[in-house]
PDB file of N, CA and C in Angstrom:
ATOM      1  N   MET A   1      16.840 -21.636  43.142  1.00  0.00           N
ATOM      2  CA  MET A   1      15.254 -21.310  43.300  1.00  0.00           C
ATOM      3  C   MET A   1      14.402 -20.395  43.774  1.00  0.00           C
ATOM      4  N   ALA A   2      13.412 -19.599  42.179  1.00  0.00           N
ATOM      5  CA  ALA A   2      13.027 -18.384  42.198  1.00  0.00           C
ATOM      6  C   ALA A   2      12.086 -19.050  43.811  1.00  0.00           C
ATOM      7  N   GLY A   3      11.703 -17.691  44.642  1.00  0.00           N
ATOM      8  CA  GLY A   3      10.540 -17.798  45.000  1.00  0.00           C
ATOM      9  C   GLY A   3      10.547 -16.822  46.437  1.00  0.00           C
ATOM     10  N   ILE A   4       8.963 -16.323  46.910  1.00  0.00           N
ATOM     11  CA  ILE A   4       8.907 -15.352  48.010  1.00  0.00           C
ATOM     12  C   ILE A   4       9.368 -15.931  49.414  1.00  0.00           C
ATOM     13  N   SER A   5       9.764 -15.276  49.956  1.00  0.00           N
ATOM     14  CA  SER A   5       9.138 -15.732  51.639  1.00  0.00           C
ATOM     15  C   SER A   5       8.308 -14.497  52.634  1.00  0.00           C
ATOM     16  N   LEU A   6       8.071 -14.864  53.279  1.00  0.00           N
ATOM     17  CA  LEU A   6       6.915 -14.104  54.236  1.00  0.00           C
ATOM     18  C   LEU A   6       7.454 -14.309  55.153  1.00  0.00           C
ATOM     19  N   LEU A   7       7.745 -13.078  56.388  1.00  0.00           N
ATOM     20  CA  LEU A   7       7.680 -13.477  57.749  1.00  0.00           C
ATOM     21  C   LEU A   7       6.009 -13.655  58.407  1.00  0.00           C
ATOM     22  N   ALA A   8       6.086 -14.491  59.478  1.00  0.00           N
ATOM     23  CA  ALA A   8       4.755 -14.212  60.227  1.00  0.00           C
ATOM     24  C   ALA A   8       3.871 -14.575  59.836  1.00  0.00           C
ATOM     25  N   GLY A   9       3.881 -15.848  58.258  1.00  0.00           N
ATOM     26  CA  GLY A   9       2.557 -16.805  58.020  1.00  0.00           C
ATOM     27  C   GLY A   9       1.409 -16.104  57.607  1.00  0.00           C
ATOM     28  N   THR A  10       2.520 -15.079  56.655  1.00  0.00           N
ATOM     29  CA  THR A  10       0.629 -14.851  55.581  1.00  0.00           C
ATOM     30  C   THR A  10       0.191 -15.245  54.789  1.00  0.00           C
ATOM     31  N   HIS A  11      -0.506 -15.069  54.764  1.00  0.00           N
ATOM     32  CA  HIS A  11      -1.382 -16.541  54.564  1.00  0.00           C
ATOM     33  C   HIS A  11      -2.099 -16.120  53.271  1.00  0.00           C
ATOM     34  N   GLU A  12      -1.722 -16.088  51.474  1.00  0.00           N
ATOM     35  CA  GLU A  12      -1.776 -15.473  50.398  1.00  0.00           C
ATOM     36  C   GLU A  12      -2.995 -16.005  49.613  1.00  0.00           C
ATOM     37  N   ASP A  13      -2.650 -17.443  49.511  1.00  0.00           N
ATOM     38  CA  ASP A  13      -3.517 -19.003  48.610  1.00  0.00           C
ATOM     39  C   ASP A  13      -2.900 -19.952  50.036  1.00  0.00           C
ATOM     40  N   GLU A  14      -4.107 -21.506  48.846  1.00  0.00           N
ATOM     41  CA  GLU A  14      -3.910 -22.642  49.920  1.00  0.00           C
ATOM     42  C   GLU A  14      -2.375 -23.167  48.847  1.00  0.00           C
ATOM     43  N   THR A  15      -2.051 -22.378  48.039  1.00  0.00           N
ATOM     44  CA  THR A  15      -1.143 -22.956  47.575  1.00  0.00           C
ATOM     45  C   THR A  15       0.324 -22.781  47.871  1.00  0.00           C
ATOM     46  N   TRP A  16       0.579 -21.267  49.160  1.00  0.00           N
ATOM     47  CA  TRP A  16       1.237 -21.125  49.977  1.00  0.00           C
ATOM     48  C   TRP A  16       1.541 -21.932  50.955  1.00  0.00           C
ATOM     49  N   GLU A  17       3.288 -21.952  51.283  1.00  0.00           N
ATOM     50  CA  GLU A  17       3.369 -23.161  52.554  1.00  0.00           C
ATOM     51  C   GLU A  17       3.641 -22.416  53.520  1.00  0.00           C
ATOM     52  N   GLN A  18       3.346 -23.153  54.822  1.00  0.00           N
ATOM     53  CA  GLN A  18       3.508 -22.303  56.367  1.00  0.00           C
ATOM     54  C   GLN A  18       5.338 -23.361  56.694  1.00  0.00           C
ATOM     55  N   ASP A  19       6.469 -22.959  57.075  1.00  0.00           N
ATOM     56  CA  ASP A  19       7.232 -24.407  57.614  1.00  0.00           C
ATOM     57  C   ASP A  19       7.020 -24.165  59.275  1.00  0.00           C
ATOM     58  N   GLY A  20       7.643 -24.969  59.666  1.00  0.00           N
ATOM     59  CA  GLY A  20       7.228 -24.576  61.826  1.00  0.00           C
ATOM     60  C   GLY A  20       8.144 -23.777  62.211  1.00  0.00           C
ATOM     61  N   ASN A  21       8.713 -22.768  61.593  1.00  0.00           N
ATOM     62  CA  ASN A  21       9.448 -22.124  62.179  1.00  0.00           C
ATOM     63  C   ASN A  21       8.768 -20.023  61.855  1.00  0.00           C
ATOM     64  N   GLY A  22       7.133 -19.845  61.067  1.00  0.00           N
ATOM     65  CA  GLY A  22       6.572 -18.958  60.790  1.00  0.00           C
ATOM     66  C   GLY A  22       6.867 -18.366  59.376  1.00  0.00           C
ATOM     67  N   TRP A  23       7.535 -18.845  58.300  1.00  0.00           N
ATOM     68  CA  TRP A  23       7.934 -18.441  57.278  1.00  0.00           C
ATOM     69  C   TRP A  23       6.447 -19.198  56.317  1.00  0.00           C
ATOM     70  N   THR A  24       6.277 -18.182  55.391  1.00  0.00           N
ATOM     71  CA  THR A  24       5.120 -18.700  54.224  1.00  0.00           C
ATOM     72  C   THR A  24       5.737 -18.611  53.048  1.00  0.00           C
ATOM     73  N   ASN A  25       6.041 -19.372  51.797  1.00  0.00           N
ATOM     74  CA  ASN A  25       6.279 -19.607  50.838  1.00  0.00           C
ATOM     75  C   ASN A  25       5.557 -19.803  49.793  1.00  0.00           C
ATOM     76  N   CYS A  26       6.134 -19.469  48.133  1.00  0.00           N
ATOM     77  CA  CYS A  26       5.497 -19.746  47.987  1.00  0.00           C
ATOM     78  C   CYS A  26       6.417 -19.742  46.138  1.00  0.00           C
ATOM     79  N   TYR A  27       6.497 -20.498  45.793  1.00  0.00           N
ATOM     80  CA  TYR A  27       7.753 -21.003  44.529  1.00  0.00           C
ATOM     81  C   TYR A  27       7.301 -20.649  43.109  1.00  0.00           C
ATOM     82  N   PHE A  28       8.314 -19.941  42.173  1.00  0.00           N
ATOM     83  CA  PHE A  28       8.301 -19.162  40.993  1.00  0.00           C
ATOM     84  C   PHE A  28       9.101 -20.060  39.883  1.00  0.00           C
ATOM     85  N   ASN A  29       8.652 -20.185  38.927  1.00  0.00           N
ATOM     86  CA  ASN A  29       9.095 -20.479  37.262  1.00  0.00           C
ATOM     87  C   ASN A  29       9.393 -21.886  38.357  1.00  0.00           C
ATOM     88  N   GLN A  30       9.039 -22.911  38.389  1.00  0.00           N
ATOM     89  CA  GLN A  30       9.410 -24.484  38.533  1.00  0.00           C
ATOM     90  C   GLN A  30       8.408 -24.976  38.701  1.00  0.00           C
ATOM     91  N   PRO A  31       8.348 -26.262  38.058  1.00  0.00           N
ATOM     92  CA  PRO A  31       7.196 -27.340  37.904  1.00  0.00           C
ATOM     93  C   PRO A  31       6.579 -27.202  40.185  1.00  0.00           C
ATOM     94  N   PRO A  32       5.211 -27.361  39.997  1.00  0.00           N
ATOM     95  CA  PRO A  32       5.123 -27.517  40.945  1.00  0.00           C
ATOM     96  C   PRO A  32       4.864 -29.171  41.192  1.00  0.00           C
ATOM     97  N   ASN A  33       5.084 -29.462  43.082  1.00  0.00           N
ATOM     98  CA  ASN A  33       5.052 -30.583  43.485  1.00  0.00           C
ATOM     99  C   ASN A  33       3.437 -31.322  43.494  1.00  0.00           C
ATOM    100  N   LEU A  34       3.426 -32.485  44.489  1.00  0.00           N
ATOM    101  CA  LEU A  34       2.086 -32.546  44.464  1.00  0.00           C
ATOM    102  C   LEU A  34       1.045 -32.235  45.696  1.00  0.00           C
ATOM    103  N   SER A  35       1.689 -32.010  45.998  1.00  0.00           N
ATOM    104  CA  SER A  35       0.677 -30.607  47.216  1.00  0.00           C
ATOM    105  C   SER A  35      -0.268 -29.387  46.382  1.00  0.00           C
ATOM    106  N   THR A  36       0.956 -28.624  45.807  1.00  0.00           N
ATOM    107  CA  THR A  36       0.049 -27.597  45.201  1.00  0.00           C
ATOM    108  C   THR A  36      -0.236 -27.559  44.507  1.00  0.00           C
ATOM    109  N   ALA A  37       0.139 -28.874  43.545  1.00  0.00           N
ATOM    110  CA  ALA A  37      -0.944 -28.837  42.437  1.00  0.00           C
ATOM    111  C   ALA A  37      -1.619 -29.219  42.395  1.00  0.00           C
ATOM    112  N   ALA A  38      -1.994 -29.813  43.884  1.00  0.00           N
ATOM    113  CA  ALA A  38      -3.144 -30.764  43.910  1.00  0.00           C
ATOM    114  C   ALA A  38      -4.291 -29.500  44.527  1.00  0.00           C
ATOM    115  N   LYS A  39      -3.795 -28.810  45.298  1.00  0.00           N
ATOM    116  CA  LYS A  39      -4.534 -27.953  46.137  1.00  0.00           C
ATOM    117  C   LYS A  39      -4.729 -26.168  45.029  1.00  0.00           C
ATOM    118  N   SER A  40      -4.174 -26.625  44.658  1.00  0.00           N
ATOM    119  CA  SER A  40      -4.577 -25.745  42.491  1.00  0.00           C
ATOM    120  C   SER A  40      -5.990 -25.847  42.304  1.00  0.00           C
ATOM    121  N   GLY A  41      -5.990 -27.351  42.244  1.00  0.00           N
ATOM    122  CA  GLY A  41      -7.028 -27.834  41.670  1.00  0.00           C
ATOM    123  C   GLY A  41      -8.142 -27.626  42.340  1.00  0.00           C
ATOM    124  N   GLY A  42      -8.704 -27.729  44.512  1.00  0.00           N
ATOM    125  CA  GLY A  42      -9.517 -28.067  44.738  1.00  0.00           C
ATOM    126  C   GLY A  42      -9.361 -28.914  46.032  1.00  0.00           C
ATOM    127  N   GLY A  43      -8.132 -29.349  45.690  1.00  0.00           N
ATOM    128  CA  GLY A  43      -8.058 -30.611  46.105  1.00  0.00           C
ATOM    129  C   GLY A  43      -7.303 -29.929  48.077  1.00  0.00           C
ATOM    130  N   VAL A  44      -7.700 -31.310  49.132  1.00  0.00           N
ATOM    131  CA  VAL A  44      -7.447 -31.035  50.325  1.00  0.00           C
ATOM    132  C   VAL A  44      -7.243 -31.594  51.330  1.00  0.00           C
ATOM    133  N   GLU A  45      -5.916 -31.456  51.875  1.00  0.00           N
ATOM    134  CA  GLU A  45      -5.001 -33.104  52.632  1.00  0.00           C
ATOM    135  C   GLU A  45      -6.260 -33.384  53.169  1.00  0.00           C
ATOM    136  N   ALA A  46      -5.780 -35.318  53.546  1.00  0.00           N
ATOM    137  CA  ALA A  46      -7.350 -35.785  53.900  1.00  0.00           C
ATOM    138  C   ALA A  46      -5.890 -36.006  55.713  1.00  0.00           C
ATOM    139  N   PRO A  47      -7.298 -36.469  56.750  1.00  0.00           N
ATOM    140  CA  PRO A  47      -6.260 -36.570  58.193  1.00  0.00           C
ATOM    141  C   PRO A  47      -5.446 -37.719  57.652  1.00  0.00           C
ATOM    142  N   GLN A  48      -4.965 -37.795  59.016  1.00  0.00           N
ATOM    143  CA  GLN A  48      -3.533 -38.590  59.243  1.00  0.00           C
ATOM    144  C   GLN A  48      -2.481 -38.917  58.423  1.00  0.00           C
ATOM    145  N   GLN A  49      -2.330 -38.733  57.156  1.00  0.00           N
ATOM    146  CA  GLN A  49      -1.492 -38.140  55.789  1.00  0.00           C
ATOM    147  C   GLN A  49      -1.328 -39.109  55.251  1.00  0.00           C
ATOM    148  N   ARG A  50      -2.936 -39.310  54.564  1.00  0.00           N
ATOM    149  CA  ARG A  50      -3.613 -40.305  54.223  1.00  0.00           C
ATOM    150  C   ARG A  50      -3.513 -40.194  52.097  1.00  0.00           C
ATOM    151  N   GLY A  51      -2.769 -38.650  51.797  1.00  0.00           N
ATOM    152  CA  GLY A  51      -3.607 -38.198  50.573  1.00  0.00           C
ATOM    153  C   GLY A  51      -3.582 -36.688  50.472  1.00  0.00           C
ATOM    154  N   LEU A  52      -4.148 -36.384  49.225  1.00  0.00           N
ATOM    155  CA  LEU A  52      -5.247 -35.010  48.970  1.00  0.00           C
ATOM    156  C   LEU A  52      -5.691 -35.559  48.482  1.00  0.00           C
ATOM    157  N   CYS A  53      -7.389 -35.465  49.070  1.00  0.00           N
ATOM    158  CA  CYS A  53      -8.763 -35.477  48.593  1.00  0.00           C
ATOM    159  C   CYS A  53      -9.261 -34.339  47.558  1.00  0.00           C
ATOM    160  N   LEU A  54     -10.209 -34.874  46.543  1.00  0.00           N
ATOM    161  CA  LEU A  54     -10.584 -34.278  45.244  1.00  0.00           C
ATOM    162  C   LEU A  54     -12.018 -34.149  45.613  1.00  0.00           C
ATOM    163  N   ARG A  55     -12.531 -33.615  44.924  1.00  0.00           N
ATOM    164  CA  ARG A  55     -13.821 -33.270  45.254  1.00  0.00           C
ATOM    165  C   ARG A  55     -14.183 -34.222  43.800  1.00  0.00           C
ATOM    166  N   HIS A  56     -13.851 -34.638  42.565  1.00  0.00           N
ATOM    167  CA  HIS A  56     -13.336 -35.515  41.598  1.00  0.00           C
ATOM    168  C   HIS A  56     -12.145 -36.267  40.654  1.00  0.00           C
ATOM    169  N   ALA A  57     -12.865 -37.474  40.005  1.00  0.00           N
ATOM    170  CA  ALA A  57     -11.315 -38.193  39.655  1.00  0.00           C
ATOM    171  C   ALA A  57     -10.697 -37.556  38.700  1.00  0.00           C
ATOM    172  N   GLU A  58     -11.973 -36.579  37.587  1.00  0.00           N
ATOM    173  CA  GLU A  58     -11.976 -35.542  37.069  1.00  0.00           C
ATOM    174  C   GLU A  58     -10.516 -34.283  36.880  1.00  0.00           C
ATOM    175  N   ASP A  59     -11.069 -34.108  38.637  1.00  0.00           N
ATOM    176  CA  ASP A  59      -9.667 -33.446  38.797  1.00  0.00           C
ATOM    177  C   ASP A  59      -8.492 -32.978  39.365  1.00  0.00           C
ATOM    178  N   ALA A  60      -8.796 -34.891  39.932  1.00  0.00           N
ATOM    179  CA  ALA A  60      -6.968 -35.589  40.070  1.00  0.00           C
ATOM    180  C   ALA A  60      -6.544 -36.363  38.583  1.00  0.00           C
ATOM    181  N   ALA A  61      -7.565 -36.043  37.880  1.00  0.00           N
ATOM    182  CA  ALA A  61      -6.509 -36.044  35.726  1.00  0.00           C
ATOM    183  C   ALA A  61      -6.154 -35.252  36.273  1.00  0.00           C
ATOM    184  N   ALA A  62      -6.335 -34.046  36.065  1.00  0.00           N
ATOM    185  CA  ALA A  62      -6.185 -32.378  35.642  1.00  0.00           C
ATOM    186  C   ALA A  62      -4.772 -31.998  36.573  1.00  0.00           C
ATOM    187  N   VAL A  63      -4.637 -32.098  37.861  1.00  0.00           N
ATOM    188  CA  VAL A  63      -3.314 -32.668  38.713  1.00  0.00           C
ATOM    189  C   VAL A  63      -2.414 -33.205  38.288  1.00  0.00           C
ATOM    190  N   ILE A  64      -2.342 -34.667  38.048  1.00  0.00           N
ATOM    191  CA  ILE A  64      -1.526 -35.699  37.381  1.00  0.00           C
ATOM    192  C   ILE A  64      -1.041 -35.222  36.322  1.00  0.00           C
ATOM    193  N   SER A  65      -1.611 -34.787  35.722  1.00  0.00           N
ATOM    194  CA  SER A  65      -1.604 -33.913  33.859  1.00  0.00           C
ATOM    195  C   SER A  65      -0.041 -32.907  34.342  1.00  0.00           C
ATOM    196  N   VAL A  66      -1.082 -32.205  34.931  1.00  0.00           N
ATOM    197  CA  VAL A  66       0.110 -30.580  35.671  1.00  0.00           C
ATOM    198  C   VAL A  66       1.376 -31.442  36.015  1.00  0.00           C
ATOM    199  N   LEU A  67       1.519 -32.487  36.535  1.00  0.00           N
ATOM    200  CA  LEU A  67       2.893 -33.502  36.728  1.00  0.00           C
ATOM    201  C   LEU A  67       3.652 -33.740  35.480  1.00  0.00           C
ATOM    202  N   GLY A  68       2.949 -33.809  34.995  1.00  0.00           N
ATOM    203  CA  GLY A  68       3.619 -34.631  33.324  1.00  0.00           C
ATOM    204  C   GLY A  68       3.278 -35.792  33.561  1.00  0.00           C
ATOM    205  N   LYS A  69       1.792 -36.179  34.053  1.00  0.00           N
ATOM    206  CA  LYS A  69       2.044 -37.503  33.506  1.00  0.00           C
ATOM    207  C   LYS A  69      -0.144 -37.932  33.492  1.00  0.00           C
ATOM    208  N   PRO A  70      -0.398 -37.549  32.288  1.00  0.00           N
ATOM    209  CA  PRO A  70      -1.735 -36.995  31.902  1.00  0.00           C
ATOM    210  C   PRO A  70      -2.470 -39.011  31.735  1.00  0.00           C
ATOM    211  N   VAL A  71      -3.091 -39.128  32.337  1.00  0.00           N
ATOM    212  CA  VAL A  71      -3.937 -40.585  32.858  1.00  0.00           C
ATOM    213  C   VAL A  71      -5.606 -39.660  32.332  1.00  0.00           C
ATOM    214  N   ASN A  72      -6.006 -41.471  31.611  1.00  0.00           N
ATOM    215  CA  ASN A  72      -7.534 -40.876  31.071  1.00  0.00           C
ATOM    216  C   ASN A  72      -8.281 -41.617  32.088  1.00  0.00           C
ATOM    217  N   ILE A  73      -9.444 -40.964  32.701  1.00  0.00           N
ATOM    218  CA  ILE A  73     -10.496 -41.217  33.865  1.00  0.00           C
ATOM    219  C   ILE A  73     -12.183 -42.258  32.681  1.00  0.00           C
ATOM    220  N   PRO A  74     -12.695 -42.731  33.066  1.00  0.00           N
ATOM    221  CA  PRO A  74     -13.238 -43.151  32.408  1.00  0.00           C
ATOM    222  C   PRO A  74     -14.521 -42.438  33.031  1.00  0.00           C
ATOM    223  N   ASP A  75     -15.416 -42.444  31.981  1.00  0.00           N
ATOM    224  CA  ASP A  75     -16.431 -41.240  31.483  1.00  0.00           C
ATOM    225  C   ASP A  75     -17.485 -41.582  33.511  1.00  0.00           C
ATOM    226  N   GLU A  76     -17.818 -43.010  33.619  1.00  0.00           N
ATOM    227  CA  GLU A  76     -18.437 -43.705  34.496  1.00  0.00           C
ATOM    228  C   GLU A  76     -17.557 -43.108  36.204  1.00  0.00           C
ATOM    229  N   LEU A  77     -16.792 -42.650  36.160  1.00  0.00           N
ATOM    230  CA  LEU A  77     -15.874 -42.642  37.375  1.00  0.00           C
ATOM    231  C   LEU A  77     -14.858 -41.039  37.793  1.00  0.00           C
ATOM    232  N   ARG A  78     -15.855 -40.374  36.301  1.00  0.00           N
ATOM    233  CA  ARG A  78     -15.134 -39.199  36.544  1.00  0.00           C
ATOM    234  C   ARG A  78     -15.643 -38.026  37.621  1.00  0.00           C
ATOM    235  N   GLN A  79     -16.659 -38.122  37.957  1.00  0.00           N
ATOM    236  CA  GLN A  79     -17.569 -37.053  38.994  1.00  0.00           C
ATOM    237  C   GLN A  79     -17.152 -37.844  40.274  1.00  0.00           C
ATOM    238  N   ARG A  80     -16.451 -38.969  40.592  1.00  0.00           N
ATOM    239  CA  ARG A  80     -16.999 -39.346  42.417  1.00  0.00           C
ATOM    240  C   ARG A  80     -15.651 -39.204  42.738  1.00  0.00           C
ATOM    241  N   GLU A  81     -15.533 -39.508  44.186  1.00  0.00           N
ATOM    242  CA  GLU A  81     -14.474 -38.241  45.230  1.00  0.00           C
ATOM    243  C   GLU A  81     -13.250 -39.342  44.511  1.00  0.00           C
ATOM    244  N   ALA A  82     -12.199 -38.910  44.695  1.00  0.00           N
ATOM    245  CA  ALA A  82     -10.879 -39.581  44.735  1.00  0.00           C
ATOM    246  C   ALA A  82      -9.916 -38.985  45.568  1.00  0.00           C
ATOM    247  N   ARG A  83      -8.419 -39.400  45.232  1.00  0.00           N
ATOM    248  CA  ARG A  83      -7.364 -39.696  46.609  1.00  0.00           C
ATOM    249  C   ARG A  83      -6.095 -39.505  45.593  1.00  0.00           C
ATOM    250  N   LEU A  84      -5.030 -38.686  46.204  1.00  0.00           N
ATOM    251  CA  LEU A  84      -3.739 -39.143  45.448  1.00  0.00           C
ATOM    252  C   LEU A  84      -2.778 -39.463  46.628  1.00  0.00           C
ATOM    253  N   LYS A  85      -2.137 -40.219  46.441  1.00  0.00           N
ATOM    254  CA  LYS A  85      -1.107 -40.071  47.310  1.00  0.00           C
ATOM    255  C   LYS A  85       0.934 -40.765  47.167  1.00  0.00           C
ATOM    256  N   THR A  86       1.141 -40.558  47.255  1.00  0.00           N
ATOM    257  CA  THR A  86       2.469 -41.040  47.439  1.00  0.00           C
ATOM    258  C   THR A  86       3.068 -41.866  47.996  1.00  0.00           C
ATOM    259  N   GLN A  87       3.764 -43.029  47.268  1.00  0.00           N
ATOM    260  CA  GLN A  87       4.126 -43.993  48.197  1.00  0.00           C
ATOM    261  C   GLN A  87       5.462 -43.902  48.407  1.00  0.00           C
ATOM    262  N   LYS A  88       6.175 -44.598  49.508  1.00  0.00           N
ATOM    263  CA  LYS A  88       7.302 -43.847  49.141  1.00  0.00           C
ATOM    264  C   LYS A  88       8.754 -44.331  48.724  1.00  0.00           C
ATOM    265  N   ASP A  89       8.092 -45.137  47.894  1.00  0.00           N
ATOM    266  CA  ASP A  89       9.337 -45.039  46.765  1.00  0.00           C
ATOM    267  C   ASP A  89       8.868 -44.784  45.812  1.00  0.00           C
ATOM    268  N   GLY A  90       7.940 -43.323  45.655  1.00  0.00           N
ATOM    269  CA  GLY A  90       8.066 -41.987  44.820  1.00  0.00           C
ATOM    270  C   GLY A  90       6.780 -42.242  43.537  1.00  0.00           C
ATOM    271  N   ARG A  91       6.024 -43.406  44.132  1.00  0.00           N
ATOM    272  CA  ARG A  91       5.400 -43.442  42.460  1.00  0.00           C
ATOM    273  C   ARG A  91       3.564 -42.667  43.254  1.00  0.00           C
ATOM    274  N   LEU A  92       3.012 -42.022  41.816  1.00  0.00           N
ATOM    275  CA  LEU A  92       2.098 -41.567  42.789  1.00  0.00           C
ATOM    276  C   LEU A  92       0.250 -42.320  42.356  1.00  0.00           C
ATOM    277  N   VAL A  93      -0.044 -43.052  43.754  1.00  0.00           N
ATOM    278  CA  VAL A  93      -1.754 -43.572  43.541  1.00  0.00           C
ATOM    279  C   VAL A  93      -2.816 -42.657  43.396  1.00  0.00           C
ATOM    280  N   LEU A  94      -3.361 -43.518  42.303  1.00  0.00           N
ATOM    281  CA  LEU A  94      -4.663 -42.813  42.280  1.00  0.00           C
ATOM    282  C   LEU A  94      -5.973 -43.473  43.487  1.00  0.00           C
ATOM    283  N   SER A  95      -6.836 -43.099  43.963  1.00  0.00           N
ATOM    284  CA  SER A  95      -7.661 -43.548  44.685  1.00  0.00           C
ATOM    285  C   SER A  95      -9.089 -43.207  43.830  1.00  0.00           C
ATOM    286  N   ILE A  96      -9.815 -44.340  43.684  1.00  0.00           N
ATOM    287  CA  ILE A  96     -11.410 -43.541  43.263  1.00  0.00           C
ATOM    288  C   ILE A  96     -12.301 -44.349  44.255  1.00  0.00           C
ATOM    289  N   ARG A  97     -13.372 -43.088  44.655  1.00  0.00           N
ATOM    290  CA  ARG A  97     -14.587 -43.616  45.398  1.00  0.00           C
ATOM    291  C   ARG A  97     -15.423 -44.926  44.873  1.00  0.00           C
ATOM    292  N   LYS A  98     -15.282 -45.311  45.087  1.00  0.00           N
ATOM    293  CA  LYS A  98     -16.825 -47.027  45.018  1.00  0.00           C
ATOM    294  C   LYS A  98     -17.190 -46.552  45.589  1.00  0.00           C
ATOM    295  N   ARG A  99     -18.497 -46.365  44.369  1.00  0.00           N
ATOM    296  CA  ARG A  99     -20.186 -46.014  45.140  1.00  0.00           C
ATOM    297  C   ARG A  99     -20.833 -47.130  44.922  1.00  0.00           C
ATOM    298  N   LEU A 100     -21.946 -46.815  46.085  1.00  0.00           N
ATOM    299  CA  LEU A 100     -22.615 -48.278  46.070  1.00  0.00           C
ATOM    300  C   LEU A 100     -24.323 -48.015  45.942  1.00  0.00           C
ATOM    301  N   THR A 101     -25.115 -48.541  45.120  1.00  0.00           N
ATOM    302  CA  THR A 101     -26.481 -47.604  45.127  1.00  0.00           C
ATOM    303  C   THR A 101     -27.482 -48.773  45.307  1.00  0.00           C
ATOM    304  N   THR A 102     -28.399 -48.651  45.136  1.00  0.00           N
ATOM    305  CA  THR A 102     -29.265 -49.610  45.585  1.00  0.00           C
ATOM    306  C   THR A 102     -30.325 -49.494  44.677  1.00  0.00           C
ATOM    307  N   LEU A 103     -31.037 -51.347  44.056  1.00  0.00           N
ATOM    308  CA  LEU A 103     -32.093 -50.907  43.464  1.00  0.00           C
ATOM    309  C   LEU A 103     -33.491 -51.590  43.961  1.00  0.00           C
ATOM    310  N   PRO A 104     -34.469 -51.094  43.950  1.00  0.00           N
ATOM    311  CA  PRO A 104     -35.270 -51.654  44.313  1.00  0.00           C
ATOM    312  C   PRO A 104     -36.187 -53.482  43.891  1.00  0.00           C
ATOM    313  N   ARG A 105     -36.139 -54.345  44.883  1.00  0.00           N
ATOM    314  CA  ARG A 105     -36.127 -55.277  44.377  1.00  0.00           C
ATOM    315  C   ARG A 105     -37.569 -55.821  43.978  1.00  0.00           C
ATOM    316  N   LYS A 106     -38.285 -55.617  45.351  1.00  0.00           N
ATOM    317  CA  LYS A 106     -40.016 -56.145  45.153  1.00  0.00           C
ATOM    318  C   LYS A 106     -40.520 -54.981  46.182  1.00  0.00           C
ATOM    319  N   ALA A 107     -41.199 -54.416  46.543  1.00  0.00           N
ATOM    320  CA  ALA A 107     -42.135 -54.074  48.247  1.00  0.00           C
ATOM    321  C   ALA A 107     -40.964 -54.124  49.285  1.00  0.00           C
ATOM    322  N   GLY A 108     -40.438 -52.920  50.024  1.00  0.00           N
ATOM    323  CA  GLY A 108     -39.527 -53.338  50.870  1.00  0.00           C
ATOM    324  C   GLY A 108     -38.276 -53.807  51.029  1.00  0.00           C
ATOM    325  N   SER A 109     -37.561 -54.125  49.753  1.00  0.00           N
ATOM    326  CA  SER A 109     -37.072 -54.947  50.120  1.00  0.00           C
ATOM    327  C   SER A 109     -35.915 -53.986  49.031  1.00  0.00           C
ATOM    328  N   ALA A 110     -34.305 -54.392  49.326  1.00  0.00           N
ATOM    329  CA  ALA A 110     -33.441 -53.328  47.835  1.00  0.00           C
ATOM    330  C   ALA A 110     -32.307 -54.308  48.518  1.00  0.00           C
ATOM    331  N   ARG A 111     -31.109 -54.414  46.720  1.00  0.00           N
ATOM    332  CA  ARG A 111     -29.837 -55.097  46.889  1.00  0.00           C
ATOM    333  C   ARG A 111     -28.989 -53.876  46.874  1.00  0.00           C
ATOM    334  N   ARG A 112     -27.963 -54.489  47.180  1.00  0.00           N
ATOM    335  CA  ARG A 112     -26.575 -53.725  46.651  1.00  0.00           C
ATOM    336  C   ARG A 112     -25.849 -53.923  45.347  1.00  0.00           C
ATOM    337  N   VAL A 113     -25.297 -53.378  44.486  1.00  0.00           N
ATOM    338  CA  VAL A 113     -24.566 -52.939  43.464  1.00  0.00           C
ATOM    339  C   VAL A 113     -23.572 -52.834  43.319  1.00  0.00           C
ATOM    340  N   ASN A 114     -22.865 -52.850  43.412  1.00  0.00           N
ATOM    341  CA  ASN A 114     -21.622 -52.741  43.327  1.00  0.00           C
ATOM    342  C   ASN A 114     -21.005 -52.278  41.788  1.00  0.00           C
TER     343      ASN A 114
END
């Protein structure tokens, strides 16, 4: 496995990972894992190990494509926030935020549309 390791927790890029012993690692010439692919696409880790959040579902589709599994996202969902998470059995789950909008009914009232 080609890569480099630096001591003292050197931070070079979001895709570089630090272990619990103060070493920073970056791997070359190998396919990225989900965390590295998502971070290179602008993703950030969700709190409480709930996956990786991406600004848009189209960014999540690009990450999935880098992992070798292209996916088509409908146009109306492409600009919504998305989350990627690996299940215990290894399956990758893509979640796209449900957007609630309000449409005016009569003066002073509104209804939610899912």
